[in-house]
N, C-alpha and C. Protein backbone atom coordinates (compact mmCIF):
# COMPACT_ATOMS: atom_id res chain seq x y z
N MET A 1 17.19 -46.64 -7.31
CA MET A 1 17.90 -46.00 -8.42
C MET A 1 18.60 -46.93 -9.07
N LEU A 2 19.17 -47.73 -8.87
CA LEU A 2 20.10 -48.44 -9.60
C LEU A 2 19.70 -49.34 -10.73
N LEU A 3 18.18 -49.67 -9.96
CA LEU A 3 17.08 -50.10 -11.38
C LEU A 3 16.35 -49.13 -12.37
N ALA A 4 16.24 -48.01 -11.90
CA ALA A 4 15.33 -47.02 -13.04
C ALA A 4 16.85 -46.50 -13.85
N VAL A 5 18.00 -46.58 -13.86
CA VAL A 5 19.11 -46.74 -14.28
C VAL A 5 19.46 -47.84 -15.54
N VAL A 6 19.11 -48.94 -15.14
CA VAL A 6 19.29 -50.02 -15.94
C VAL A 6 18.05 -49.97 -16.73
N ILE A 7 16.81 -50.13 -16.18
CA ILE A 7 15.89 -49.68 -16.84
C ILE A 7 15.54 -48.92 -18.17
N PHE A 8 15.57 -47.49 -17.78
CA PHE A 8 15.63 -46.82 -18.71
C PHE A 8 16.71 -45.99 -19.36
N ASN A 9 17.73 -47.18 -19.52
CA ASN A 9 19.19 -46.71 -19.83
C ASN A 9 19.18 -45.27 -19.67
N LEU A 10 19.54 -44.74 -18.24
CA LEU A 10 20.19 -43.73 -17.67
C LEU A 10 21.50 -43.13 -17.79
N VAL A 11 22.08 -42.28 -18.19
CA VAL A 11 23.41 -41.66 -17.58
C VAL A 11 23.66 -41.21 -16.64
N ILE A 12 24.29 -41.62 -15.43
CA ILE A 12 24.18 -40.69 -14.61
C ILE A 12 25.83 -40.16 -14.32
N THR A 13 25.87 -38.60 -14.62
CA THR A 13 26.83 -37.82 -14.99
C THR A 13 27.16 -37.45 -13.32
N PRO A 14 28.47 -36.76 -12.86
CA PRO A 14 28.84 -36.60 -11.55
C PRO A 14 28.09 -35.54 -11.26
N THR A 15 27.64 -34.32 -12.25
CA THR A 15 26.87 -33.52 -10.90
C THR A 15 25.68 -33.90 -10.82
N ASN A 16 24.88 -35.19 -11.84
CA ASN A 16 23.54 -36.07 -11.61
C ASN A 16 23.60 -36.32 -10.09
N MET A 17 25.04 -37.44 -9.65
CA MET A 17 25.68 -37.89 -8.77
C MET A 17 25.54 -37.21 -7.27
N ILE A 18 26.11 -36.12 -7.45
CA ILE A 18 26.13 -35.10 -6.49
C ILE A 18 24.83 -34.67 -5.91
N GLY A 19 24.02 -34.63 -7.24
CA GLY A 19 22.63 -34.09 -6.43
C GLY A 19 21.74 -35.48 -5.90
N ILE A 20 22.26 -36.32 -6.70
CA ILE A 20 21.19 -37.49 -5.36
C ILE A 20 21.86 -37.90 -4.68
N LEU A 21 23.27 -37.86 -4.15
CA LEU A 21 23.59 -38.00 -2.89
C LEU A 21 23.32 -37.01 -1.67
N LEU A 22 23.49 -35.65 -2.53
CA LEU A 22 23.02 -34.37 -1.70
C LEU A 22 21.42 -34.87 -1.36
N THR A 23 20.43 -35.14 -1.89
CA THR A 23 19.52 -35.24 -1.60
C THR A 23 18.55 -36.40 -0.51
N ILE A 24 19.86 -37.63 -0.81
CA ILE A 24 19.45 -38.65 0.12
C ILE A 24 20.25 -38.25 0.98
N GLY A 25 21.28 -37.57 1.56
CA GLY A 25 21.73 -36.78 2.61
C GLY A 25 21.31 -36.24 3.35
N GLY A 26 20.31 -35.14 2.89
CA GLY A 26 20.01 -34.47 3.32
C GLY A 26 18.04 -35.15 3.88
N GLY A 27 17.87 -35.82 2.90
CA GLY A 27 16.57 -36.64 3.96
C GLY A 27 16.99 -37.41 4.79
N ALA A 28 18.08 -37.98 4.79
CA ALA A 28 18.46 -38.49 6.09
C ALA A 28 18.74 -37.89 7.27
N TRP A 29 19.89 -36.73 6.96
CA TRP A 29 19.85 -35.92 7.79
C TRP A 29 18.71 -35.42 8.64
N TYR A 30 17.16 -34.90 7.41
CA TYR A 30 16.12 -34.23 8.68
C TYR A 30 15.24 -35.73 9.16
N ALA A 31 15.53 -37.06 8.54
CA ALA A 31 15.03 -37.86 9.48
C ALA A 31 15.38 -38.03 11.11
N THR A 32 16.67 -37.90 10.88
CA THR A 32 17.59 -38.25 12.28
C THR A 32 17.02 -36.91 12.96
N VAL A 33 17.12 -35.56 12.71
CA VAL A 33 16.85 -34.79 13.24
C VAL A 33 15.20 -34.91 14.02
N GLU A 34 14.16 -35.15 13.15
CA GLU A 34 12.93 -35.19 13.63
C GLU A 34 13.00 -36.40 14.72
N TYR A 35 13.52 -37.47 14.81
CA TYR A 35 13.49 -38.82 15.27
C TYR A 35 13.86 -37.98 16.64
N ALA A 36 15.22 -37.60 16.62
CA ALA A 36 15.57 -36.80 17.65
C ALA A 36 14.72 -35.92 18.42
N GLU A 37 13.59 -35.40 17.78
CA GLU A 37 13.20 -34.09 18.24
C GLU A 37 12.01 -34.70 18.90
N LYS A 38 11.23 -35.94 18.20
CA LYS A 38 10.39 -36.80 18.83
C LYS A 38 10.71 -37.34 20.06
N LYS A 39 11.71 -37.93 20.38
CA LYS A 39 11.99 -38.47 21.26
C LYS A 39 12.62 -37.59 22.40
N ARG A 40 12.83 -36.71 22.14
CA ARG A 40 13.19 -35.62 23.22
C ARG A 40 12.04 -34.81 23.77
N LYS A 41 10.81 -34.55 22.69
CA LYS A 41 9.35 -34.44 23.51
C LYS A 41 8.74 -35.33 24.15
N ALA A 42 8.62 -36.58 23.90
CA ALA A 42 7.94 -37.90 24.48
C ALA A 42 8.83 -37.79 25.67
N SER A 43 10.05 -37.66 26.00
CA SER A 43 10.96 -38.13 27.32
C SER A 43 10.46 -36.55 27.89
N LEU A 44 10.33 -35.46 27.38
CA LEU A 44 9.67 -34.15 28.32
C LEU A 44 8.43 -34.46 28.93
N ALA A 45 7.50 -34.87 27.89
CA ALA A 45 6.07 -34.99 28.02
C ALA A 45 6.38 -36.02 29.40
N ARG A 46 6.86 -37.27 29.44
CA ARG A 46 6.88 -38.18 30.62
C ARG A 46 6.91 -37.58 31.74
N MET A 47 8.79 -36.58 31.56
CA MET A 47 9.06 -36.51 32.99
C MET A 47 7.75 -35.29 33.53
N THR A 48 7.68 -33.81 32.38
CA THR A 48 6.79 -33.53 33.17
C THR A 48 5.03 -33.74 33.73
N SER A 49 4.76 -34.93 33.20
CA SER A 49 3.74 -35.82 33.61
C SER A 49 3.74 -36.18 34.70
N LEU A 50 4.59 -36.95 34.91
CA LEU A 50 5.43 -37.80 36.57
C LEU A 50 5.32 -36.16 37.74
N HIS A 51 6.12 -35.00 37.04
CA HIS A 51 6.28 -34.71 37.91
C HIS A 51 5.62 -33.70 38.52
N ASP A 52 5.19 -32.84 37.11
CA ASP A 52 4.00 -31.04 37.79
C ASP A 52 3.38 -31.39 36.65
N PRO A 53 1.87 -31.86 36.41
CA PRO A 53 1.31 -31.82 35.02
C PRO A 53 1.11 -30.42 34.66
N PRO A 54 0.81 -29.67 35.39
CA PRO A 54 0.59 -28.01 34.71
C PRO A 54 1.57 -28.07 34.15
N LEU A 55 2.85 -28.23 33.91
CA LEU A 55 3.63 -27.94 33.19
C LEU A 55 3.38 -28.28 31.78
N GLN A 56 3.02 -29.81 31.99
CA GLN A 56 2.44 -30.06 30.56
C GLN A 56 1.49 -29.46 29.28
N LYS A 57 0.77 -28.64 29.96
CA LYS A 57 0.05 -27.73 29.38
C LYS A 57 0.68 -26.73 28.74
N GLU A 58 1.63 -26.33 29.70
CA GLU A 58 2.08 -25.09 29.49
C GLU A 58 3.14 -25.30 28.25
N TRP A 59 3.89 -26.73 28.49
CA TRP A 59 4.71 -27.59 26.83
C TRP A 59 4.04 -27.12 25.97
N LYS A 60 2.87 -27.65 25.88
CA LYS A 60 2.11 -28.00 24.66
C LYS A 60 1.43 -26.68 24.14
N GLN A 61 1.34 -25.29 24.91
CA GLN A 61 0.77 -23.97 24.47
C GLN A 61 2.68 -23.57 23.73
N ALA A 62 3.49 -23.57 24.36
CA ALA A 62 4.72 -23.26 23.73
C ALA A 62 4.80 -23.81 22.48
N ASP A 63 4.75 -25.18 22.18
CA ASP A 63 4.80 -25.76 21.13
C ASP A 63 3.91 -25.09 20.05
N ARG A 64 2.76 -24.66 20.15
CA ARG A 64 1.55 -24.11 19.43
C ARG A 64 1.98 -22.58 19.11
N GLY A 65 3.27 -22.06 19.97
CA GLY A 65 3.73 -20.33 19.54
C GLY A 65 3.02 -19.90 20.44
N LEU A 66 2.18 -20.20 21.23
CA LEU A 66 1.57 -19.36 22.70
C LEU A 66 2.15 -18.78 23.57
N PRO A 67 1.65 -17.59 24.06
CA PRO A 67 2.35 -17.57 25.69
C PRO A 67 2.90 -18.54 26.33
N ARG A 68 4.29 -18.32 26.78
CA ARG A 68 4.08 -19.43 28.29
C ARG A 68 3.57 -18.92 29.54
N LEU A 69 2.61 -19.69 30.24
CA LEU A 69 2.34 -19.64 31.48
C LEU A 69 3.32 -19.13 32.43
N PRO A 70 3.38 -18.15 33.29
CA PRO A 70 4.58 -18.05 34.71
C PRO A 70 4.49 -19.28 35.31
N LEU A 71 5.57 -19.94 35.52
CA LEU A 71 5.58 -21.32 36.47
C LEU A 71 5.32 -21.18 38.05
N HIS A 72 5.88 -19.87 38.66
CA HIS A 72 5.26 -19.26 39.97
C HIS A 72 5.15 -17.58 39.90
N SER A 73 4.16 -17.58 40.92
CA SER A 73 3.27 -16.39 41.04
C SER A 73 4.97 -15.73 41.88
N THR A 74 5.03 -14.19 41.19
CA THR A 74 6.17 -13.14 42.03
C THR A 74 5.42 -12.83 42.79
N HIS A 75 4.16 -13.01 43.55
CA HIS A 75 3.95 -11.98 44.85
C HIS A 75 4.15 -12.99 45.80
């Protein structure tokens, strides 16, 4: 960004700076949330595959928006 200001002789107003900071902050926040979600899913997949393989299928279906399978029969 700073290089573009120098090369193109740009003037950054306070309003522009707020927009730039919001954009960079939002991107960083999004990346952090995505990374945490991927870690959570990977951890959950490891746990379910070690203890109860059928649950892994249930979670994959839930991730695609499909209805969840019952865990235990009610009969």
